[in-house]
């Protein structure tokens, strides 16, 4: 009723509220009133002698009624957990070497690819990232595996999808136009160089591919969870 009063009588276009993350009852009441979860406001206010975070929930006057199917789905969707998805590509030369990117922002080397944008398919992402980072066009083939990556070095967990980008001539690297802010160089790598330059889970994942047998459909940080 308060939301209806704000929209109908006060002619407001937006209603918002701040709720303690652990206050499940208040979060549920806000959801029933059609207020969608918009994020965490860090250190918003002081409680019991320390700065604490709050959940920001809000509803616009143009939002569908929470009792409607569209309104219910929108509120539920806004409150669901988000999982970061990374799409990478396995590009090889005729000798079986793997293309690795020497990155400007971290010491270890990695496969080309990147984070999937909202509403973008992982297959489209890896094609886009290779074009942006390396300046070449590729076709994303079969999905090789999905690797769940646990939280690490300040990053939340993520799911990595590795696609087969096929085989190209070794001299393809000479025609690449590298994105200088991200890619310092590219290298064709054999298993020994992969192990020396990549993080352990990346090397483990690529060793499964190099072994020539079936690769598990799902990995846990580079290894089969079994």
Protein backbone atom coordinates (compact mmCIF):
# COMPACT_ATOMS: atom_id res chain seq x y z
CA UNK A 1 0.00 0.00 0.00
CA UNK A 2 2.88 2.38 0.73
CA UNK A 3 4.31 1.78 -2.74
CA UNK A 4 0.93 2.49 -4.34
CA UNK A 5 0.62 5.67 -2.24
CA UNK A 6 4.08 6.81 -3.38
CA UNK A 7 3.21 6.30 -7.03
CA UNK A 8 -0.45 7.31 -7.11
CA UNK A 9 -0.68 10.09 -4.54
CA UNK A 10 2.86 11.47 -4.39
CA UNK A 11 3.54 10.97 -8.12
CA UNK A 12 6.98 9.50 -7.46
CA UNK A 13 8.69 7.62 -10.26
CA UNK A 14 10.92 5.45 -8.05
CA UNK A 15 10.75 3.90 -4.59
CA UNK A 16 13.85 2.45 -2.99
CA UNK A 17 14.85 0.99 0.34
CA UNK A 18 17.99 -0.22 2.08
CA UNK A 19 17.85 -3.55 3.90
CA UNK A 20 20.39 -5.39 6.03
CA UNK A 21 21.67 -8.40 4.06
CA UNK A 22 20.72 -10.78 6.86
CA UNK A 23 17.19 -9.45 7.28
CA UNK A 24 15.47 -12.15 5.24
CA UNK A 25 11.95 -11.16 6.34
CA UNK A 26 12.36 -7.57 5.15
CA UNK A 27 13.89 -8.69 1.86
CA UNK A 28 10.92 -10.98 1.25
CA UNK A 29 8.44 -8.20 2.08
CA UNK A 30 10.24 -5.87 -0.33
CA UNK A 31 10.09 -8.52 -3.06
CA UNK A 32 6.36 -9.02 -2.53
CA UNK A 33 5.91 -5.27 -2.96
CA UNK A 34 7.74 -5.47 -6.28
CA UNK A 35 11.05 -3.95 -5.16
CA UNK A 36 13.89 -5.55 -7.12
CA UNK A 37 17.31 -6.21 -5.71
CA UNK A 38 19.78 -3.82 -7.39
CA UNK A 39 22.99 -4.53 -5.51
CA UNK A 40 25.04 -3.99 -2.37
CA UNK A 41 25.83 -0.49 -1.08
CA UNK A 42 29.10 -0.94 0.77
CA UNK A 43 29.60 0.76 4.14
CA UNK A 44 26.34 2.67 3.84
CA UNK A 45 25.85 3.35 7.54
CA UNK A 46 27.23 2.65 10.96
CA UNK A 47 25.68 -0.05 13.12
CA UNK A 48 27.01 -1.17 16.46
CA UNK A 49 30.19 0.81 16.04
CA UNK A 50 31.17 -0.26 12.51
CA UNK A 51 30.33 0.55 8.91
CA UNK A 52 28.15 -2.12 7.34
CA UNK A 53 26.70 -2.91 3.92
CA UNK A 54 23.06 -2.73 2.89
CA UNK A 55 21.07 -4.30 0.08
CA UNK A 56 19.49 -1.73 -2.25
CA UNK A 57 16.01 -2.67 -3.50
CA UNK A 58 13.86 -0.48 -5.71
CA UNK A 59 10.76 -0.32 -7.88
CA UNK A 60 9.93 2.02 -10.77
CA UNK A 61 6.46 3.28 -11.50
CA UNK A 62 6.73 1.62 -14.92
CA UNK A 63 7.53 -1.82 -13.48
CA UNK A 64 4.80 -4.44 -13.89
CA UNK A 65 2.72 -5.31 -10.85
CA UNK A 66 4.48 -7.91 -8.67
CA UNK A 67 1.37 -10.13 -8.75
CA UNK A 68 1.58 -10.39 -12.55
CA UNK A 69 3.67 -13.06 -14.26
CA UNK A 70 6.09 -10.49 -15.71
CA UNK A 71 6.45 -8.71 -12.38
CA UNK A 72 7.00 -11.92 -10.43
CA UNK A 73 9.69 -13.12 -12.85
CA UNK A 74 11.46 -9.74 -12.81
CA UNK A 75 11.66 -9.63 -9.02
CA UNK A 76 12.78 -13.25 -8.81
CA UNK A 77 15.36 -12.79 -11.55
CA UNK A 78 16.84 -9.72 -9.84
CA UNK A 79 17.42 -11.68 -6.64
CA UNK A 80 19.05 -14.77 -8.13
CA UNK A 81 22.81 -15.36 -7.78
CA UNK A 82 25.04 -14.29 -10.66
CA UNK A 83 27.85 -16.49 -11.97
CA UNK A 84 30.69 -15.11 -14.06
CA UNK A 85 31.25 -17.03 -17.29
CA UNK A 86 34.55 -17.05 -19.18
CA UNK A 87 34.89 -18.26 -22.77
CA UNK A 88 38.32 -19.31 -24.06
CA UNK A 89 39.52 -20.86 -27.28
CA UNK A 90 42.01 -23.61 -28.04
CA UNK A 91 43.91 -22.67 -31.20
CA UNK A 92 46.64 -25.04 -32.43
CA UNK A 93 49.27 -25.14 -35.17
CA UNK A 94 49.91 -28.22 -37.37
CA UNK A 95 52.57 -29.43 -34.92
CA UNK A 96 50.05 -29.48 -32.06
CA UNK A 97 51.38 -26.44 -30.24
CA UNK A 98 48.82 -24.36 -28.35
CA UNK A 99 48.50 -20.60 -28.78
CA UNK A 100 49.05 -18.79 -25.49
CA UNK A 101 48.73 -15.09 -24.76
CA UNK A 102 51.36 -13.29 -22.72
CA UNK A 103 49.20 -10.83 -20.82
CA UNK A 104 50.05 -7.35 -19.62
CA UNK A 105 48.09 -7.56 -16.36
CA UNK A 106 49.34 -10.84 -14.90
CA UNK A 107 52.48 -12.93 -15.00
CA UNK A 108 51.03 -16.25 -16.13
CA UNK A 109 50.10 -16.94 -19.74
CA UNK A 110 46.62 -18.02 -20.78
CA UNK A 111 44.42 -19.03 -23.69
CA UNK A 112 42.76 -16.27 -25.72
CA UNK A 113 39.27 -15.34 -24.59
CA UNK A 114 37.51 -13.35 -21.93
CA UNK A 115 34.44 -12.73 -19.82
CA UNK A 116 31.06 -13.27 -21.47
CA UNK A 117 29.05 -10.05 -21.67
CA UNK A 118 25.42 -9.90 -20.47
CA UNK A 119 23.07 -11.55 -22.98
CA UNK A 120 26.03 -12.76 -25.07
CA UNK A 121 26.48 -16.44 -25.84
CA UNK A 122 29.84 -17.97 -24.80
CA UNK A 123 30.50 -19.05 -28.40
CA UNK A 124 29.96 -15.50 -29.66
CA UNK A 125 32.16 -14.21 -26.84
CA UNK A 126 35.25 -16.22 -27.74
CA UNK A 127 34.97 -15.20 -31.40
CA UNK A 128 34.61 -11.54 -30.39
CA UNK A 129 37.47 -11.68 -27.88
CA UNK A 130 39.88 -13.26 -30.38
CA UNK A 131 38.99 -10.59 -32.93
CA UNK A 132 39.49 -7.80 -30.38
CA UNK A 133 42.64 -9.16 -28.75
CA UNK A 134 44.43 -10.81 -31.69
CA UNK A 135 42.89 -9.17 -34.73
CA UNK A 136 41.96 -12.41 -36.50
CA UNK A 137 38.67 -14.09 -37.33
CA UNK A 138 38.03 -17.59 -36.02
CA UNK A 139 35.15 -20.03 -35.97
CA UNK A 140 34.26 -21.50 -32.61
CA UNK A 141 33.85 -25.24 -32.96
CA UNK A 142 32.84 -27.84 -30.42
CA UNK A 143 32.79 -27.15 -26.71
CA UNK A 144 35.70 -29.10 -25.26
CA UNK A 145 34.91 -28.82 -21.55
CA UNK A 146 33.45 -26.69 -18.77
CA UNK A 147 35.79 -25.91 -15.86
CA UNK A 148 34.55 -24.53 -12.55
CA UNK A 149 37.10 -22.13 -11.07
CA UNK A 150 36.95 -21.56 -7.30
CA UNK A 151 37.48 -18.07 -5.80
CA UNK A 152 41.06 -16.91 -6.23
CA UNK A 153 43.11 -13.75 -5.53
CA UNK A 154 40.09 -11.52 -4.96
CA UNK A 155 38.03 -12.97 -7.84
CA UNK A 156 34.72 -14.75 -7.23
CA UNK A 157 34.21 -18.22 -8.63
CA UNK A 158 33.46 -18.65 -12.33
CA UNK A 159 32.64 -21.19 -15.00
CA UNK A 160 35.10 -21.40 -17.89
CA UNK A 161 33.97 -22.79 -21.25
CA UNK A 162 36.76 -23.90 -23.59
CA UNK A 163 35.98 -24.10 -27.31
CA UNK A 164 37.94 -25.71 -30.11
CA UNK A 165 39.12 -23.01 -32.55
CA UNK A 166 40.79 -25.47 -34.89
CA UNK A 167 44.24 -25.57 -36.51
CA UNK A 168 45.91 -22.65 -38.30
CA UNK A 169 49.35 -22.25 -39.96
CA UNK A 170 52.10 -21.41 -37.50
CA UNK A 171 52.87 -18.14 -39.29
CA UNK A 172 49.36 -16.86 -38.51
CA UNK A 173 50.88 -15.13 -35.50
CA UNK A 174 52.80 -12.78 -37.81
CA UNK A 175 49.54 -11.32 -39.11
CA UNK A 176 47.93 -10.86 -35.71
CA UNK A 177 47.20 -7.32 -34.52
CA UNK A 178 47.52 -7.52 -30.75
CA UNK A 179 45.52 -5.35 -28.38
CA UNK A 180 48.48 -3.64 -26.60
CA UNK A 181 46.62 -2.87 -23.38
CA UNK A 182 46.02 -6.57 -22.74
CA UNK A 183 48.32 -8.70 -24.91
CA UNK A 184 52.10 -8.24 -24.79
CA UNK A 185 52.86 -11.18 -27.11
CA UNK A 186 51.58 -14.55 -28.30
CA UNK A 187 53.46 -17.85 -28.30
CA UNK A 188 53.05 -21.35 -29.69
CA UNK A 189 53.60 -23.57 -26.68
CA UNK A 190 54.40 -27.26 -26.24
CA UNK A 191 53.33 -29.07 -23.03
CA UNK A 192 56.57 -28.18 -21.25
CA UNK A 193 56.18 -24.47 -21.94
CA UNK A 194 52.49 -24.65 -20.96
CA UNK A 195 53.44 -26.14 -17.61
CA UNK A 196 56.19 -23.58 -17.06
CA UNK A 197 54.18 -20.47 -17.96
CA UNK A 198 50.53 -21.20 -17.09
CA UNK A 199 48.75 -21.56 -13.80
CA UNK A 200 48.51 -25.20 -12.67
CA UNK A 201 44.81 -25.61 -13.48
CA UNK A 202 45.34 -24.24 -17.01
CA UNK A 203 48.22 -26.67 -17.57
CA UNK A 204 46.16 -29.55 -16.13
CA UNK A 205 43.27 -28.71 -18.46
CA UNK A 206 45.50 -28.56 -21.53
CA UNK A 207 47.28 -31.78 -20.59
CA UNK A 208 43.91 -33.57 -20.64
CA UNK A 209 43.39 -32.29 -24.19
CA UNK A 210 46.94 -33.20 -25.28
CA UNK A 211 46.53 -36.75 -23.97
CA UNK A 212 44.26 -37.46 -26.95
CA UNK A 213 41.54 -39.30 -25.06
CA UNK A 214 38.06 -38.09 -24.15
CA UNK A 215 38.10 -34.94 -22.05
CA UNK A 216 35.65 -34.88 -19.13
CA UNK A 217 32.66 -32.68 -19.83
CA UNK A 218 33.07 -31.01 -16.44
CA UNK A 219 36.25 -30.12 -14.57
CA UNK A 220 36.92 -28.70 -11.15
CA UNK A 221 39.84 -26.25 -11.36
CA UNK A 222 41.45 -28.12 -14.24
CA UNK A 223 40.88 -31.65 -13.00
CA UNK A 224 38.11 -34.22 -13.04
CA UNK A 225 36.08 -33.92 -9.81
CA UNK A 226 35.90 -37.70 -9.50
